[in-house]
Amino acid sequence: MKISSVIKYGLSLMLAGVLFYFAFRNVSVEEFLEKVTEVNYWWVVLSIILSLLSHWLRAYRWNLMLAPLGYQNLSNGRTFLAVMSGYLANLAFPRLGEVTRCGVMKRNEKIPMSISFGTVITERVLDFLILLSLIVLDFFVEFELVYDFFISSVGWDTQTDHTTNIVIIISSLILIGIGGIMILKRILEHEFENVLLQKAHRILTDIVNGLMSIRKVKNILGFVLSTVGIWVFYYLMSYVIFFSITETASLGFGAGLSILAAAGVAMAMPVQGGIGAYHTLVSGVLIIYGIEATSGLFFATLLHTSQLMSILFFGGLSALGTVFIARLRKTEMDGNP
């Protein structure tokens, strides 16, 4: 392993540990363990089933993206095994999952890494744009709660109208976003001699080209419905766990949307499996809805741990399945020279 990879892994693990420590530093172990006995675990099981359905749809959508590139007869089942193997790899090292699942498809389906990885980049950019849209939607749906929480968090007087300040902040962010787009456009229009700039240019070009490749998908309806389905199941797998404990059972649609946005941001952070970041962000969001800190942290832990155990179990089985398929293909090739 390269020294740079070791450093990245160490920093990622350290960040996860720091976030995890700060999330749990004031938690009573006895109170936390007592809540474990009060959980209705049927809702947790339903959450796991919904998450598996979202992963299956992701495999189906990936096949739709690979079809116009010359791979029309891919099995949803085999692609699902690759996707789950990737999720398992992400628990070891952030972003390793993308490379892992592309490697599985190369070994078992003979799809070049350059082709499959381009579609994965497209997936990630699309997911990012959807997550960003959900964050904006959540801001408008839960505006009063988010506004009050923001005002109190920054220490502003809650009795004063801060609309002007909010508008200035939002306008500044929009201007920064526009500036970023203009810089991106300029980078894509030029070639550079500097090695780092060349690498950045290639990455940004791949991302833009990847997004444009969506136009090649023949089954547009299937692509759109599967994309919507993935995020609907993401939402539901978080929402149904509200009913597993008394403290969150009365939370509604808006709270579920806030949890989905917070969880999405946490899982995008450069830490193994979102550990620490997930607990901190999700429990922090629940405070906005009046959920006591320990109960909010317990909910975050219950949701994260259930998905973690699901990935360990089903991802492990999937990894074993890919090895079996690879050996079966090798046996078939040896038997048919």
Protein backbone atom coordinates (compact mmCIF):
# COMPACT_ATOMS: atom_id res chain seq x y z
CA MET A 1 0.00 0.00 0.00
CA LYS A 2 1.28 3.47 -0.89
CA ILE A 3 2.27 5.80 1.94
CA SER A 4 -0.25 8.37 0.64
CA SER A 5 -3.04 5.78 0.97
CA VAL A 6 -1.95 4.96 4.51
CA ILE A 7 -2.01 8.67 5.42
CA LYS A 8 -5.46 9.16 3.85
CA TYR A 9 -6.80 6.10 5.67
CA GLY A 10 -5.31 7.26 8.97
CA LEU A 11 -6.72 10.78 8.65
CA SER A 12 -10.14 9.42 7.69
CA LEU A 13 -10.16 7.06 10.66
CA MET A 14 -8.98 9.84 12.97
CA LEU A 15 -11.76 12.16 11.78
CA ALA A 16 -14.34 9.42 12.36
CA GLY A 17 -12.98 8.85 15.85
CA VAL A 18 -13.05 12.54 16.77
CA LEU A 19 -16.63 12.96 15.52
CA PHE A 20 -17.70 9.78 17.30
CA TYR A 21 -16.11 10.94 20.55
CA PHE A 22 -17.78 14.35 20.50
CA ALA A 23 -21.13 12.77 19.67
CA PHE A 24 -21.02 10.34 22.62
CA ARG A 25 -18.90 12.20 25.17
CA ASN A 26 -21.86 13.21 27.41
CA VAL A 27 -24.01 10.11 26.91
CA SER A 28 -25.02 7.90 29.85
CA VAL A 29 -24.18 4.30 28.94
CA GLU A 30 -26.87 2.95 31.30
CA GLU A 31 -29.59 5.14 29.76
CA PHE A 32 -28.42 4.24 26.27
CA LEU A 33 -28.50 0.49 26.95
CA GLU A 34 -31.93 0.78 28.58
CA LYS A 35 -33.33 2.20 25.35
CA VAL A 36 -32.12 -0.89 23.46
CA THR A 37 -34.77 -2.98 25.23
CA GLU A 38 -37.55 -0.54 24.28
CA VAL A 39 -37.07 -0.73 20.50
CA ASN A 40 -39.73 -2.25 18.24
CA TYR A 41 -37.31 -4.10 15.96
CA TRP A 42 -39.90 -4.97 13.31
CA TRP A 43 -39.60 -1.39 12.08
CA VAL A 44 -35.83 -1.86 11.92
CA VAL A 45 -36.27 -5.02 9.83
CA LEU A 46 -38.61 -3.12 7.48
CA SER A 47 -35.98 -0.37 7.16
CA ILE A 48 -33.36 -2.92 6.13
CA ILE A 49 -35.71 -4.43 3.53
CA LEU A 50 -36.39 -0.97 2.08
CA SER A 51 -32.66 -0.24 1.89
CA LEU A 52 -32.08 -3.49 0.00
CA LEU A 53 -34.79 -2.50 -2.48
CA SER A 54 -33.00 0.82 -3.05
CA HIS A 55 -29.73 -1.04 -3.67
CA TRP A 56 -31.49 -3.35 -6.14
CA LEU A 57 -32.86 -0.36 -8.03
CA ARG A 58 -29.36 1.12 -8.11
CA ALA A 59 -28.11 -2.09 -9.73
CA TYR A 60 -30.99 -1.98 -12.24
CA ARG A 61 -30.25 1.67 -13.09
CA TRP A 62 -26.56 0.91 -13.51
CA ASN A 63 -27.43 -1.77 -16.07
CA LEU A 64 -29.52 0.80 -17.95
CA MET A 65 -26.49 3.09 -18.08
CA LEU A 66 -24.17 0.32 -19.26
CA ALA A 67 -26.57 -0.98 -21.95
CA PRO A 68 -25.91 1.74 -24.59
CA LEU A 69 -22.17 1.19 -24.08
CA GLY A 70 -22.45 -2.34 -25.49
CA TYR A 71 -23.50 -4.40 -22.43
CA GLN A 72 -27.21 -5.06 -22.95
CA ASN A 73 -27.62 -8.49 -21.33
CA LEU A 74 -26.34 -7.88 -17.83
CA SER A 75 -28.06 -9.66 -14.95
CA ASN A 76 -29.62 -7.42 -12.30
CA GLY A 77 -28.70 -10.06 -9.73
CA ARG A 78 -25.00 -10.07 -10.61
CA THR A 79 -24.86 -6.29 -10.78
CA PHE A 80 -26.56 -6.17 -7.37
CA LEU A 81 -23.75 -8.35 -5.98
CA ALA A 82 -21.21 -5.86 -7.36
CA VAL A 83 -23.05 -2.89 -5.85
CA MET A 84 -23.27 -4.55 -2.42
CA SER A 85 -19.59 -5.54 -2.57
CA GLY A 86 -18.83 -1.88 -3.20
CA TYR A 87 -20.82 -0.78 -0.16
CA LEU A 88 -18.88 -3.31 1.91
CA ALA A 89 -15.57 -1.91 0.66
CA ASN A 90 -16.66 1.62 1.60
CA LEU A 91 -16.72 0.52 5.24
CA ALA A 92 -12.98 -0.11 5.01
CA PHE A 93 -12.01 3.03 3.10
CA PRO A 94 -14.12 5.94 1.78
CA ARG A 95 -14.69 5.86 -2.01
CA LEU A 96 -13.07 2.42 -2.31
CA GLY A 97 -16.51 1.04 -3.08
CA GLU A 98 -16.70 2.69 -6.50
CA VAL A 99 -13.44 1.05 -7.58
CA THR A 100 -14.42 -2.28 -6.00
CA ARG A 101 -17.74 -2.66 -7.76
CA CYS A 102 -16.19 -1.67 -11.08
CA GLY A 103 -13.47 -4.26 -10.45
CA VAL A 104 -16.13 -6.91 -9.81
CA MET A 105 -17.85 -6.06 -13.10
CA LYS A 106 -14.53 -6.28 -14.93
CA ARG A 107 -13.74 -9.69 -13.45
CA ASN A 108 -17.21 -11.23 -13.80
CA GLU A 109 -18.74 -9.39 -16.75
CA LYS A 110 -15.60 -8.36 -18.69
CA ILE A 111 -16.49 -4.66 -18.60
CA PRO A 112 -13.40 -2.41 -18.77
CA MET A 113 -12.84 -0.29 -15.67
CA SER A 114 -12.70 2.91 -17.71
CA ILE A 115 -16.23 2.30 -19.03
CA SER A 116 -17.91 1.26 -15.79
CA PHE A 117 -16.13 3.91 -13.73
CA GLY A 118 -17.39 6.63 -16.07
CA THR A 119 -20.97 5.57 -15.35
CA VAL A 120 -20.24 5.51 -11.60
CA ILE A 121 -18.99 9.11 -11.79
CA THR A 122 -22.26 9.98 -13.52
CA GLU A 123 -24.18 8.27 -10.71
CA ARG A 124 -22.31 10.17 -8.03
CA VAL A 125 -22.81 13.55 -9.69
CA LEU A 126 -26.51 12.81 -10.20
CA ASP A 127 -26.90 11.71 -6.57
CA PHE A 128 -25.12 14.87 -5.41
CA LEU A 129 -27.48 17.09 -7.42
CA ILE A 130 -30.51 15.23 -6.04
CA LEU A 131 -29.19 15.51 -2.47
CA LEU A 132 -28.60 19.23 -2.99
CA SER A 133 -32.17 19.61 -4.27
CA LEU A 134 -33.51 17.74 -1.22
CA ILE A 135 -31.57 20.02 1.12
CA VAL A 136 -33.10 23.07 -0.59
CA LEU A 137 -36.58 21.47 -0.47
CA ASP A 138 -36.14 20.66 3.21
CA PHE A 139 -35.13 24.26 3.89
CA PHE A 140 -38.41 25.53 2.43
CA VAL A 141 -40.62 22.78 3.93
CA GLU A 142 -39.18 23.25 7.42
CA PHE A 143 -38.30 26.95 7.07
CA GLU A 144 -39.58 28.11 10.48
CA LEU A 145 -37.80 25.35 12.41
CA VAL A 146 -34.55 25.74 10.46
CA TYR A 147 -34.73 29.54 10.76
CA ASP A 148 -35.25 29.48 14.54
CA PHE A 149 -32.51 26.88 15.01
CA PHE A 150 -30.06 28.88 12.87
CA ILE A 151 -30.79 32.13 14.72
CA SER A 152 -30.26 30.52 18.13
CA SER A 153 -27.16 28.64 16.94
CA VAL A 154 -25.33 31.77 15.77
CA GLY A 155 -26.32 33.66 18.91
CA TRP A 156 -28.55 36.26 17.28
CA ASP A 157 -31.43 37.87 19.18
CA THR A 158 -34.52 35.72 18.53
CA GLN A 159 -36.82 38.74 18.95
CA THR A 160 -35.21 40.68 16.07
CA ASP A 161 -35.99 40.28 12.37
CA HIS A 162 -32.88 38.94 10.66
CA THR A 163 -34.38 38.56 7.18
CA THR A 164 -31.90 41.04 5.66
CA ASN A 165 -28.92 39.12 7.07
CA ILE A 166 -30.33 35.83 5.79
CA VAL A 167 -30.87 37.29 2.31
CA ILE A 168 -27.27 38.60 2.26
CA ILE A 169 -25.89 35.19 3.27
CA ILE A 170 -27.97 33.34 0.66
CA SER A 171 -27.09 35.88 -2.05
CA SER A 172 -23.41 35.52 -1.22
CA LEU A 173 -23.65 31.73 -1.51
CA ILE A 174 -25.41 32.07 -4.88
CA LEU A 175 -22.71 34.43 -6.15
CA ILE A 176 -20.00 32.04 -4.95
CA GLY A 177 -21.80 29.21 -6.78
CA ILE A 178 -22.00 31.24 -10.01
CA GLY A 179 -18.32 32.12 -9.67
CA GLY A 180 -17.48 28.45 -9.18
CA ILE A 181 -19.39 27.54 -12.35
CA MET A 182 -17.55 30.21 -14.33
CA ILE A 183 -14.20 28.94 -13.03
CA LEU A 184 -15.21 25.37 -13.93
CA LYS A 185 -16.16 26.51 -17.44
CA ARG A 186 -12.81 28.25 -17.86
CA ILE A 187 -10.90 25.18 -16.67
CA LEU A 188 -12.74 22.95 -19.13
CA GLU A 189 -12.00 25.32 -22.01
CA HIS A 190 -8.23 25.28 -21.55
CA GLU A 191 -5.34 22.87 -21.54
CA PHE A 192 -2.68 23.16 -18.85
CA GLU A 193 0.98 22.30 -18.56
CA ASN A 194 0.91 21.89 -14.79
CA VAL A 195 0.42 18.22 -13.80
CA LEU A 196 -2.08 18.96 -11.01
CA LEU A 197 -4.13 21.24 -13.26
CA GLN A 198 -4.09 18.58 -15.99
CA LYS A 199 -5.41 16.02 -13.51
CA ALA A 200 -8.13 18.41 -12.32
CA HIS A 201 -9.01 19.13 -15.94
CA ARG A 202 -9.38 15.41 -16.72
CA ILE A 203 -11.54 14.77 -13.64
CA LEU A 204 -13.86 17.70 -14.35
CA THR A 205 -14.10 16.73 -18.02
CA ASP A 206 -15.00 13.15 -17.05
CA ILE A 207 -17.71 14.42 -14.71
CA VAL A 208 -19.27 16.66 -17.37
CA ASN A 209 -19.01 13.96 -20.03
CA GLY A 210 -20.49 11.47 -17.60
CA LEU A 211 -23.54 13.64 -17.04
CA MET A 212 -23.95 14.08 -20.77
CA SER A 213 -23.84 10.29 -21.23
CA ILE A 214 -27.25 10.03 -19.56
CA ARG A 215 -28.66 11.14 -22.92
CA LYS A 216 -27.53 7.79 -24.38
CA VAL A 217 -29.77 5.77 -22.06
CA LYS A 218 -32.49 4.17 -24.18
CA ASN A 219 -34.94 3.29 -21.40
CA ILE A 220 -35.46 6.83 -20.11
CA LEU A 221 -38.66 5.94 -18.23
CA GLY A 222 -36.91 3.10 -16.41
CA PHE A 223 -33.97 5.37 -15.60
CA VAL A 224 -36.18 8.14 -14.18
CA LEU A 225 -38.44 5.77 -12.20
CA SER A 226 -35.49 3.85 -10.75
CA THR A 227 -33.77 7.11 -9.76
CA VAL A 228 -36.92 8.35 -8.03
CA GLY A 229 -37.41 4.92 -6.46
CA ILE A 230 -33.88 4.88 -5.02
CA TRP A 231 -34.45 8.12 -3.15
CA VAL A 232 -38.01 7.24 -2.11
CA PHE A 233 -36.70 4.05 -0.52
CA TYR A 234 -33.84 6.03 1.05
CA TYR A 235 -36.46 8.30 2.59
CA LEU A 236 -38.70 5.47 3.76
CA MET A 237 -35.89 3.41 5.29
CA SER A 238 -35.10 6.37 7.57
CA TYR A 239 -38.71 7.39 8.17
CA VAL A 240 -40.06 4.00 9.31
CA ILE A 241 -37.49 3.80 12.12
CA PHE A 242 -39.22 6.83 13.69
CA PHE A 243 -41.89 4.36 14.81
CA SER A 244 -39.41 2.00 16.48
CA ILE A 245 -38.96 4.22 19.55
CA THR A 246 -41.50 6.30 21.45
CA GLU A 247 -39.57 9.57 21.37
CA THR A 248 -39.62 9.90 17.55
CA ALA A 249 -42.90 8.12 16.74
CA SER A 250 -44.83 11.38 16.31
CA LEU A 251 -42.40 13.02 13.86
CA GLY A 252 -43.78 13.70 10.39
CA PHE A 253 -42.81 14.09 6.73
CA GLY A 254 -40.65 17.17 7.23
CA ALA A 255 -38.56 15.52 9.91
CA GLY A 256 -38.02 12.51 7.65
CA LEU A 257 -36.84 14.82 4.88
CA SER A 258 -34.42 16.53 7.27
CA ILE A 259 -33.01 13.18 8.39
CA LEU A 260 -32.56 12.09 4.77
CA ALA A 261 -30.66 15.29 3.95
CA ALA A 262 -28.45 15.04 7.06
CA ALA A 263 -27.76 11.34 6.46
CA GLY A 264 -26.86 12.01 2.83
CA VAL A 265 -24.36 14.70 3.82
CA ALA A 266 -22.88 12.45 6.53
CA MET A 267 -22.40 9.51 4.16
CA ALA A 268 -20.70 11.80 1.64
CA MET A 269 -18.06 12.83 4.18
CA PRO A 270 -14.60 11.23 3.93
CA VAL A 271 -15.01 8.83 6.87
CA GLN A 272 -15.51 5.07 6.87
CA GLY A 273 -19.22 4.31 6.55
CA GLY A 274 -20.17 7.77 7.81
CA ILE A 275 -19.15 6.74 11.35
CA GLY A 276 -19.25 9.69 13.73
CA ALA A 277 -20.45 12.14 11.08
CA TYR A 278 -23.76 10.28 10.76
CA HIS A 279 -24.35 10.25 14.53
CA THR A 280 -23.43 13.91 14.92
CA LEU A 281 -25.51 15.30 12.04
CA VAL A 282 -28.62 13.14 12.44
CA SER A 283 -28.84 13.62 16.22
CA GLY A 284 -28.20 17.34 15.72
CA VAL A 285 -31.10 17.61 13.28
CA LEU A 286 -33.46 15.87 15.73
CA ILE A 287 -32.71 18.53 18.35
CA ILE A 288 -34.46 20.99 16.00
CA TYR A 289 -37.62 18.90 16.42
CA GLY A 290 -37.43 18.93 20.21
CA ILE A 291 -35.92 15.46 20.60
CA GLU A 292 -33.70 15.20 23.69
CA ALA A 293 -30.00 14.77 22.87
CA THR A 294 -29.60 11.19 24.14
CA SER A 295 -32.78 10.01 22.39
CA GLY A 296 -31.67 11.69 19.17
CA LEU A 297 -28.26 10.06 19.37
CA PHE A 298 -29.84 6.70 20.09
CA PHE A 299 -32.07 7.05 17.02
CA ALA A 300 -29.05 7.96 14.86
CA THR A 301 -27.13 4.99 16.24
CA LEU A 302 -30.06 2.62 15.69
CA LEU A 303 -30.53 3.75 12.09
CA HIS A 304 -26.81 3.74 11.26
CA THR A 305 -26.05 0.44 13.00
CA SER A 306 -28.96 -1.37 11.33
CA GLN A 307 -27.71 -0.29 7.91
CA LEU A 308 -24.12 -1.08 8.87
CA MET A 309 -25.07 -4.62 9.94
CA SER A 310 -27.12 -5.03 6.76
CA ILE A 311 -24.14 -4.08 4.58
CA LEU A 312 -21.78 -6.31 6.57
CA PHE A 313 -24.12 -9.29 6.19
CA PHE A 314 -25.49 -8.86 2.67
CA GLY A 315 -22.32 -7.20 1.39
CA GLY A 316 -20.28 -10.09 2.77
CA LEU A 317 -22.56 -12.62 1.09
CA SER A 318 -22.34 -10.63 -2.14
CA ALA A 319 -18.55 -10.57 -2.02
CA LEU A 320 -18.53 -14.35 -1.59
CA GLY A 321 -21.03 -14.63 -4.45
CA THR A 322 -18.79 -12.65 -6.79
CA VAL A 323 -15.86 -14.94 -5.96
CA PHE A 324 -18.01 -17.99 -6.72
CA ILE A 325 -19.14 -16.50 -10.05
CA ALA A 326 -15.55 -15.66 -11.00
CA ARG A 327 -14.43 -19.24 -10.30
CA LEU A 328 -17.42 -20.62 -12.21
CA ARG A 329 -16.56 -18.49 -15.25
CA LYS A 330 -12.94 -19.59 -15.06
CA THR A 331 -14.02 -23.26 -14.92
CA GLU A 332 -16.27 -22.75 -17.94
CA MET A 333 -13.48 -21.08 -19.90
CA ASP A 334 -11.00 -23.84 -19.00
CA GLY A 335 -13.51 -26.43 -20.10
CA ASN A 336 -14.18 -24.67 -23.41
CA PRO A 337 -10.83 -23.76 -24.98
